[in-house]
Amino acid sequence: MIPSTSIASSPARLAPALWLIAVAHSLNDLFQAVLPSLYPELQIRFQLSYSQLGLITLMFHLIGSLCQPVVGWYTDHRPSPRLLPWAMMCMIVAMTLLAFADGFTDFLWVAAAVGLGSSIFHPEGSRAARAASEGRLGLAQSVFQLGGNIGSAVAPLLLATLLIMPIKHMALCLAGLAVCGLLLLRRALQISRSHIPSVRFSSASLATLSRGKKIKALLLLTLLLLSKYIYLACIANFYTFFLIERFAVTIAQAQILLFVFLLAITAGTLLGGPLVDRLGMRPVITLSILGACPFALWLPHAPLAVAIGLSIVIGIVIASAFAAILLMAQNLVPGRIGLVAGAFFGLTFGISGIAAAGLGVMSDHWGIVATFTCASCLPLLGVLALWLPRDAHPKTAPLPPALRN
């Protein structure tokens, strides 16, 4: 039986909380991009080696990959929405440290603070978006992810503008932006406490599966996530090099074409959630990853104009899978929303870092075009989605008193 505060009762009231969390996600992911964008200047000013820059990146990815599941596990046992402002507080600390950093060790601390902030934000942010969904779980996760994608896409443009300032002044401006993010999250929590009804959502067909079938499904989802994010890491890091070598475009033109692909990713992220709410999780996962396969295989061999069109289609199609993958994993392990979100977000952090390094080694040995062609086969793993369990439409149930705060 659906409680009196039903799905149809107050969608308009709940929208502000969800959008505020999404905006905070965009700020969080923007701060993640600050250090990598500064690497060329930091290398010159502080005489950092490539190895030291790599260790700074490794620090961020290690903290992000390892701490997110821990934060998720903790908040499953002790739901802590008040942690969200603390995530942004970590970003304030990180940007302040950056303003006064004067060497390699200081930058390691900056990377650690940013990684810790992201580790706190993603599990609890995903939980808060789910709570504000009013049953539209797919849409809520898509809006949440959309914020992160926009932050990542806008970061280079914003930082390019701010780089006309000294690093100290730029970092202090970003610390001020983080303060705005903290205030947004505090407001989101106030709206949530005032308006979000005490409901939770689960797919009964998935929650009642045997332990063995759940483990099998989670393994399949992990493999599908690997195929998706290794392929995206290839494009994010090496698409511009592929375009330059394959089509002799200029660096500026290649950057514009990469931006077009990132816009397609953003559109696909927003599209995926509503499709999950209409079609279910398994169909969207299958169509997203396996559906991108023919376009991905064609891309390395297509002429430039066709390749641009294919990249847009691939971005839209393959980006729609994450919300469905995360929701299915959370429904397979009811009561462990934070742990699952932390584990899967942490996995994407780890995949992106390791895949970029591995694909770089492959490119050194085989060439960028050959590596790109091999990576284009990864969406073939989308066939594994055919073995995922079928899911039913989410149902609502009263939230236990222990989880209402």
Protein backbone atom coordinates (compact mmCIF):
# COMPACT_ATOMS: atom_id res chain seq x y z
CA MET A 1 0.00 0.00 0.00
CA ILE A 2 1.37 3.44 -0.95
CA PRO A 3 1.48 5.96 1.90
CA SER A 4 -0.58 9.12 1.86
CA THR A 5 2.50 11.08 0.77
CA SER A 6 2.43 9.34 -2.57
CA ILE A 7 4.36 9.80 -5.73
CA ALA A 8 1.82 12.14 -7.20
CA SER A 9 1.36 14.28 -4.12
CA SER A 10 4.26 16.74 -4.21
CA PRO A 11 6.67 16.37 -7.14
CA ALA A 12 6.94 20.12 -7.54
CA ARG A 13 7.95 20.62 -3.90
CA LEU A 14 10.66 18.00 -4.13
CA ALA A 15 12.25 19.25 -7.33
CA PRO A 16 14.33 22.01 -5.64
CA ALA A 17 16.15 19.56 -3.35
CA LEU A 18 17.07 17.32 -6.28
CA TRP A 19 18.29 20.20 -8.43
CA LEU A 20 20.31 21.72 -5.59
CA ILE A 21 22.06 18.38 -5.06
CA ALA A 22 22.76 18.17 -8.81
CA VAL A 23 24.27 21.68 -8.83
CA ALA A 24 26.43 20.72 -5.84
CA HIS A 25 27.54 17.63 -7.80
CA SER A 26 28.62 19.87 -10.67
CA LEU A 27 30.71 21.95 -8.26
CA ASN A 28 32.21 18.81 -6.70
CA ASP A 29 33.32 17.47 -10.09
CA LEU A 30 34.61 20.90 -11.08
CA PHE A 31 36.95 20.90 -8.06
CA GLN A 32 38.15 17.43 -9.09
CA ALA A 33 39.39 18.93 -12.36
CA VAL A 34 41.36 21.81 -10.81
CA LEU A 35 44.69 20.10 -10.14
CA PRO A 36 44.97 18.28 -13.52
CA SER A 37 44.21 21.56 -15.29
CA LEU A 38 47.05 23.24 -13.39
CA TYR A 39 49.65 20.53 -14.06
CA PRO A 40 51.53 22.37 -16.85
CA GLU A 41 51.89 25.53 -14.75
CA LEU A 42 52.71 23.62 -11.56
CA GLN A 43 55.36 21.62 -13.39
CA ILE A 44 57.11 24.78 -14.56
CA ARG A 45 56.72 26.84 -11.39
CA PHE A 46 57.57 24.13 -8.86
CA GLN A 47 59.81 21.95 -11.09
CA LEU A 48 57.64 18.86 -10.63
CA SER A 49 58.53 15.72 -12.55
CA TYR A 50 56.02 13.64 -14.51
CA SER A 51 56.35 10.97 -11.82
CA GLN A 52 55.38 13.47 -9.14
CA LEU A 53 52.38 14.61 -11.18
CA GLY A 54 51.41 10.96 -11.56
CA LEU A 55 51.65 10.46 -7.78
CA ILE A 56 49.39 13.46 -7.20
CA THR A 57 46.81 11.92 -9.54
CA LEU A 58 47.27 8.54 -7.87
CA MET A 59 46.62 10.07 -4.44
CA PHE A 60 43.29 11.48 -5.62
CA HIS A 61 42.19 8.24 -7.29
CA LEU A 62 43.26 6.08 -4.34
CA ILE A 63 41.35 8.18 -1.83
CA GLY A 64 38.34 8.34 -4.16
CA SER A 65 38.30 4.61 -4.91
CA LEU A 66 38.94 3.30 -1.39
CA CYS A 67 37.03 5.75 0.80
CA GLN A 68 33.74 5.90 -1.09
CA PRO A 69 32.67 2.31 -0.25
CA VAL A 70 33.71 2.89 3.38
CA VAL A 71 31.62 6.07 3.59
CA GLY A 72 28.70 4.24 1.95
CA TRP A 73 28.96 1.33 4.38
CA TYR A 74 29.04 3.69 7.36
CA THR A 75 26.04 5.74 6.23
CA ASP A 76 23.99 2.60 5.56
CA HIS A 77 24.32 1.82 9.26
CA ARG A 78 24.09 5.44 10.40
CA PRO A 79 22.34 7.55 7.74
CA SER A 80 24.13 10.90 7.82
CA PRO A 81 22.73 13.45 5.37
CA ARG A 82 24.57 16.12 7.36
CA LEU A 83 27.80 14.72 5.88
CA LEU A 84 27.00 16.41 2.55
CA PRO A 85 28.02 19.91 3.70
CA TRP A 86 31.18 18.36 5.17
CA ALA A 87 32.04 17.07 1.69
CA MET A 88 32.02 20.63 0.43
CA MET A 89 34.00 21.71 3.51
CA CYS A 90 36.76 19.34 2.32
CA MET A 91 36.76 21.21 -0.99
CA ILE A 92 37.06 24.53 0.84
CA VAL A 93 40.07 23.15 2.73
CA ALA A 94 41.57 21.77 -0.51
CA MET A 95 41.28 25.07 -2.39
CA THR A 96 42.68 26.98 0.59
CA LEU A 97 45.64 24.58 0.79
CA LEU A 98 46.17 25.06 -2.94
CA ALA A 99 46.31 28.83 -2.49
CA PHE A 100 49.25 28.51 -0.09
CA ALA A 101 50.93 25.36 -1.47
CA ASP A 102 54.62 25.67 -2.27
CA GLY A 103 55.78 22.15 -3.14
CA PHE A 104 55.04 18.54 -4.04
CA THR A 105 53.98 17.47 -0.52
CA ASP A 106 51.44 20.30 -0.32
CA PHE A 107 49.88 19.23 -3.60
CA LEU A 108 49.55 15.68 -2.28
CA TRP A 109 47.51 17.09 0.62
CA VAL A 110 45.36 19.05 -1.82
CA ALA A 111 44.70 15.88 -3.85
CA ALA A 112 43.88 13.95 -0.67
CA ALA A 113 41.40 16.62 0.50
CA VAL A 114 39.67 16.70 -2.90
CA GLY A 115 39.52 12.89 -2.96
CA LEU A 116 38.05 12.80 0.55
CA GLY A 117 35.43 15.40 -0.34
CA SER A 118 34.37 13.40 -3.39
CA SER A 119 34.34 10.20 -1.32
CA ILE A 120 31.89 11.74 1.12
CA PHE A 121 29.77 13.46 -1.49
CA HIS A 122 29.04 10.70 -4.00
CA PRO A 123 27.50 8.00 -1.76
CA GLU A 124 25.46 10.47 0.29
CA GLY A 125 24.60 12.60 -2.75
CA SER A 126 23.29 9.55 -4.58
CA ARG A 127 21.26 8.56 -1.51
CA ALA A 128 19.83 12.09 -1.22
CA ALA A 129 18.90 12.14 -4.92
CA ARG A 130 17.17 8.79 -4.51
CA ALA A 131 15.27 10.06 -1.47
CA ALA A 132 14.11 13.12 -3.40
CA SER A 133 12.96 11.08 -6.40
CA GLU A 134 9.33 10.49 -5.36
CA GLY A 135 9.56 7.11 -7.09
CA ARG A 136 11.19 8.42 -10.29
CA LEU A 137 14.47 6.75 -9.42
CA GLY A 138 15.90 6.75 -12.92
CA LEU A 139 15.19 10.43 -13.45
CA ALA A 140 16.67 11.32 -10.06
CA GLN A 141 19.93 9.45 -10.72
CA SER A 142 20.15 10.98 -14.20
CA VAL A 143 19.72 14.50 -12.86
CA PHE A 144 22.35 13.76 -10.21
CA GLN A 145 24.79 12.43 -12.82
CA LEU A 146 23.95 15.29 -15.17
CA GLY A 147 25.25 17.73 -12.57
CA GLY A 148 28.57 15.89 -12.40
CA ASN A 149 28.90 15.74 -16.18
CA ILE A 150 28.22 19.46 -16.53
CA GLY A 151 30.81 20.22 -13.86
CA SER A 152 33.44 18.13 -15.65
CA ALA A 153 32.63 19.70 -19.03
CA VAL A 154 32.56 23.30 -17.78
CA ALA A 155 35.68 22.96 -15.63
CA PRO A 156 38.26 23.46 -18.42
CA LEU A 157 36.43 26.56 -19.71
CA LEU A 158 36.08 28.12 -16.25
CA LEU A 159 39.63 27.30 -15.23
CA ALA A 160 41.01 28.66 -18.50
CA THR A 161 39.33 31.96 -17.62
CA LEU A 162 40.59 31.94 -14.03
CA LEU A 163 44.16 31.05 -15.02
CA ILE A 164 44.76 34.68 -15.97
CA MET A 165 44.98 35.22 -12.18
CA PRO A 166 47.85 34.08 -9.96
CA ILE A 167 47.24 30.57 -8.62
CA LYS A 168 46.72 31.90 -5.10
CA HIS A 169 43.92 34.27 -6.15
CA MET A 170 42.32 31.65 -8.40
CA ALA A 171 42.31 29.06 -5.60
CA LEU A 172 40.74 31.53 -3.15
CA CYS A 173 38.01 32.31 -5.70
CA LEU A 174 37.34 28.58 -6.00
CA ALA A 175 37.24 28.31 -2.20
CA GLY A 176 34.52 30.96 -2.27
CA LEU A 177 32.65 28.89 -4.87
CA ALA A 178 32.94 25.89 -2.53
CA VAL A 179 31.36 27.98 0.23
CA CYS A 180 28.42 28.57 -2.12
CA GLY A 181 28.24 24.80 -2.64
CA LEU A 182 28.15 24.25 1.11
CA LEU A 183 25.24 26.70 1.44
CA LEU A 184 23.39 24.95 -1.42
CA LEU A 185 23.70 21.60 0.33
CA ARG A 186 22.52 23.04 3.64
CA ARG A 187 19.47 24.41 1.85
CA ALA A 188 18.85 21.06 0.14
CA LEU A 189 18.87 19.34 3.53
CA GLN A 190 16.38 21.87 4.91
CA ILE A 191 14.01 21.23 2.01
CA SER A 192 14.45 17.48 2.39
CA ARG A 193 13.60 17.50 6.10
CA SER A 194 10.55 19.65 5.44
CA HIS A 195 9.03 17.90 2.45
CA ILE A 196 10.45 14.49 1.60
CA PRO A 197 8.02 11.76 2.71
CA SER A 198 9.25 8.71 4.57
CA VAL A 199 9.33 6.24 1.70
CA ARG A 200 11.90 4.04 0.11
CA PHE A 201 11.83 2.20 -3.16
CA SER A 202 12.83 -1.24 -4.25
CA SER A 203 12.16 -3.75 -6.99
CA ALA A 204 10.61 -6.77 -5.30
CA SER A 205 11.60 -9.05 -8.17
CA LEU A 206 15.29 -8.29 -7.57
CA ALA A 207 15.22 -8.16 -3.77
CA THR A 208 13.81 -11.72 -3.56
CA LEU A 209 16.46 -13.35 -5.76
CA SER A 210 18.67 -16.01 -4.23
CA ARG A 211 22.10 -15.03 -2.92
CA GLY A 212 23.83 -16.81 -5.80
CA LYS A 213 21.75 -15.01 -8.45
CA LYS A 214 22.41 -11.67 -6.78
CA ILE A 215 26.17 -12.27 -6.77
CA LYS A 216 26.03 -13.29 -10.44
CA ALA A 217 24.05 -10.17 -11.33
CA LEU A 218 26.44 -7.89 -9.42
CA LEU A 219 29.41 -9.48 -11.19
CA LEU A 220 27.75 -8.92 -14.56
CA LEU A 221 27.02 -5.29 -13.66
CA THR A 222 30.67 -4.81 -12.66
CA LEU A 223 31.88 -6.20 -15.99
CA LEU A 224 29.43 -3.99 -17.88
CA LEU A 225 30.65 -0.97 -15.92
CA LEU A 226 34.24 -1.91 -16.78
CA SER A 227 33.45 -2.10 -20.51
CA LYS A 228 31.66 1.25 -20.44
CA TYR A 229 34.25 3.22 -18.49
CA ILE A 230 37.35 1.76 -20.14
CA TYR A 231 35.87 2.76 -23.49
CA LEU A 232 34.99 6.23 -22.18
CA ALA A 233 38.51 6.57 -20.71
CA CYS A 234 39.89 5.82 -24.17
CA ILE A 235 37.81 8.56 -25.76
CA ALA A 236 38.33 11.10 -22.95
CA ASN A 237 42.11 10.72 -23.02
CA PHE A 238 42.98 9.74 -26.60
CA TYR A 239 40.11 10.82 -28.91
CA THR A 240 41.86 14.08 -29.77
CA PHE A 241 45.10 12.24 -30.63
CA PHE A 242 43.12 9.76 -32.75
CA LEU A 243 41.45 12.59 -34.69
CA ILE A 244 44.76 14.37 -35.25
CA GLU A 245 46.54 11.25 -36.51
CA ARG A 246 43.62 9.76 -38.47
CA PHE A 247 42.24 12.93 -40.07
CA ALA A 248 45.07 15.49 -39.68
CA VAL A 249 42.80 17.97 -37.90
CA THR A 250 44.30 20.76 -35.81
CA ILE A 251 44.55 20.58 -32.02
CA ALA A 252 41.84 23.24 -31.70
CA GLN A 253 39.50 21.32 -34.01
CA ALA A 254 40.12 18.08 -32.11
CA GLN A 255 39.31 19.81 -28.81
CA ILE A 256 36.02 21.11 -30.24
CA LEU A 257 35.09 17.61 -31.45
CA LEU A 258 35.89 16.20 -28.00
CA PHE A 259 33.63 18.85 -26.48
CA VAL A 260 30.85 17.75 -28.88
CA PHE A 261 31.25 14.19 -27.62
CA LEU A 262 31.11 15.37 -24.00
CA LEU A 263 27.88 17.24 -24.76
CA ALA A 264 26.44 14.01 -26.18
CA ILE A 265 27.44 12.24 -22.95
CA THR A 266 25.54 14.88 -20.99
CA ALA A 267 22.42 14.44 -23.15
CA GLY A 268 22.61 10.65 -22.82
CA THR A 269 22.93 10.87 -19.05
CA LEU A 270 19.72 12.88 -18.79
CA LEU A 271 17.90 10.61 -21.24
CA GLY A 272 18.81 7.36 -19.47
CA GLY A 273 16.90 7.97 -16.23
CA PRO A 274 13.44 8.54 -17.71
CA LEU A 275 13.97 5.51 -19.96
CA VAL A 276 14.68 3.41 -16.85
CA ASP A 277 11.44 4.64 -15.28
CA ARG A 278 9.50 3.69 -18.43
CA LEU A 279 11.25 0.55 -19.69
CA GLY A 280 13.02 -0.87 -16.64
CA MET A 281 16.71 -1.29 -15.82
CA ARG A 282 17.66 -4.40 -17.81
CA PRO A 283 16.37 -3.16 -21.20
CA VAL A 284 18.14 0.18 -20.81
CA ILE A 285 21.46 -1.44 -19.83
CA THR A 286 21.25 -3.79 -22.81
CA LEU A 287 20.28 -1.10 -25.31
CA SER A 288 22.86 1.34 -23.96
CA ILE A 289 26.03 -0.74 -24.02
CA LEU A 290 25.28 -3.36 -26.67
CA GLY A 291 23.40 -0.77 -28.72
CA ALA A 292 26.51 1.41 -28.92
CA CYS A 293 28.56 -1.49 -30.29
CA PRO A 294 27.93 -1.15 -34.08
CA PHE A 295 28.58 2.59 -33.97
CA ALA A 296 31.75 2.15 -31.89
CA LEU A 297 33.10 -0.52 -34.27
CA TRP A 298 32.38 1.69 -37.30
CA LEU A 299 33.92 4.88 -35.85
CA PRO A 300 37.66 4.09 -36.40
CA HIS A 301 37.02 3.32 -40.08
CA ALA A 302 34.55 6.09 -40.96
CA PRO A 303 35.36 9.36 -42.77
CA LEU A 304 35.55 12.47 -40.61
CA ALA A 305 31.99 13.76 -41.12
CA VAL A 306 30.51 10.35 -40.40
CA ALA A 307 32.85 9.85 -37.42
CA ILE A 308 31.56 13.08 -35.85
CA GLY A 309 27.98 11.86 -36.20
CA LEU A 310 28.90 8.44 -34.84
CA SER A 311 30.62 9.99 -31.80
CA ILE A 312 27.41 11.89 -30.97
CA VAL A 313 25.29 8.75 -31.25
CA ILE A 314 27.79 6.73 -29.16
CA GLY A 315 27.91 9.40 -26.46
CA ILE A 316 24.13 9.60 -26.14
CA VAL A 317 23.58 5.84 -26.22
CA ILE A 318 26.37 4.62 -23.95
CA ALA A 319 25.94 7.34 -21.32
CA SER A 320 22.37 6.28 -20.58
CA ALA A 321 23.49 3.08 -18.80
CA PHE A 322 24.96 4.33 -15.53
CA ALA A 323 21.69 5.23 -13.78
CA ALA A 324 20.26 1.82 -14.70
CA ILE A 325 23.38 -0.06 -13.54
CA LEU A 326 23.50 1.77 -10.21
CA LEU A 327 19.77 1.36 -9.54
CA MET A 328 19.82 -2.35 -10.33
CA ALA A 329 22.81 -2.87 -8.02
CA GLN A 330 21.07 -0.94 -5.23
CA ASN A 331 17.88 -2.98 -5.67
CA LEU A 332 19.86 -6.21 -5.58
CA VAL A 333 21.24 -5.24 -2.17
CA PRO A 334 18.36 -3.46 -0.39
CA GLY A 335 19.36 -1.54 2.70
CA ARG A 336 22.89 -0.96 1.36
CA ILE A 337 22.23 2.02 -0.89
CA GLY A 338 25.25 3.98 0.33
CA LEU A 339 27.66 1.04 0.16
CA VAL A 340 26.59 0.16 -3.39
CA ALA A 341 26.76 3.78 -4.57
CA GLY A 342 30.19 4.22 -2.95
CA ALA A 343 31.49 0.98 -4.43
CA PHE A 344 30.30 1.77 -7.96
CA PHE A 345 31.41 5.41 -7.91
CA GLY A 346 34.73 4.28 -6.45
CA LEU A 347 35.01 1.67 -9.19
CA THR A 348 34.54 4.33 -11.87
CA PHE A 349 37.34 6.38 -10.25
CA GLY A 350 39.68 3.39 -10.28
CA ILE A 351 38.75 2.26 -13.78
CA SER A 352 39.34 5.71 -15.25
CA GLY A 353 42.81 6.06 -13.73
CA ILE A 354 44.03 2.52 -14.46
CA ALA A 355 42.52 2.42 -17.96
CA ALA A 356 44.13 5.72 -18.94
CA ALA A 357 47.56 4.41 -17.89
CA GLY A 358 47.08 1.04 -19.60
CA LEU A 359 45.76 2.54 -22.83
CA GLY A 360 48.70 4.95 -22.84
CA VAL A 361 51.15 2.04 -22.71
CA MET A 362 49.24 0.29 -25.52
CA SER A 363 49.36 3.46 -27.62
CA ASP A 364 53.13 3.73 -27.16
CA HIS A 365 53.56 0.18 -28.45
CA TRP A 366 50.81 -0.20 -31.08
CA GLY A 367 49.96 3.37 -32.06
CA ILE A 368 46.92 5.44 -31.21
CA VAL A 369 44.74 4.30 -34.12
CA ALA A 370 45.29 0.61 -33.37
CA THR A 371 44.59 1.14 -29.67
CA PHE A 372 41.44 3.10 -30.45
CA THR A 373 40.27 0.34 -32.80
CA CYS A 374 40.80 -2.34 -30.14
CA ALA A 375 38.99 -0.28 -27.49
CA SER A 376 36.03 0.04 -29.85
CA CYS A 377 35.32 -3.66 -29.30
CA LEU A 378 34.59 -3.12 -25.58
CA PRO A 379 30.85 -2.40 -26.04
CA LEU A 380 30.55 -5.99 -27.31
CA LEU A 381 30.55 -6.94 -23.62
CA GLY A 382 27.08 -5.43 -23.55
CA VAL A 383 25.85 -8.88 -24.55
CA LEU A 384 26.35 -9.85 -20.89
CA ALA A 385 23.30 -7.72 -20.07
CA LEU A 386 21.13 -10.41 -21.62
CA TRP A 387 21.91 -12.57 -18.56
CA LEU A 388 20.86 -9.92 -16.05
CA PRO A 389 17.68 -10.65 -14.06
CA ARG A 390 14.46 -9.07 -15.22
CA ASP A 391 13.26 -6.22 -13.07
CA ALA A 392 9.79 -4.98 -12.21
CA HIS A 393 8.65 -1.41 -11.66
CA PRO A 394 9.78 0.02 -8.30
CA LYS A 395 7.35 -0.12 -5.42
CA THR A 396 7.14 2.07 -2.39
CA ALA A 397 7.25 1.03 1.21
CA PRO A 398 7.44 2.83 4.56
CA LEU A 399 10.93 3.80 5.59
CA PRO A 400 12.01 2.32 8.95
CA PRO A 401 12.19 4.90 11.78
CA ALA A 402 15.97 4.36 12.09
CA LEU A 403 16.50 5.69 8.56
CA ARG A 404 14.26 8.76 8.69
CA ASN A 405 16.83 11.27 9.94
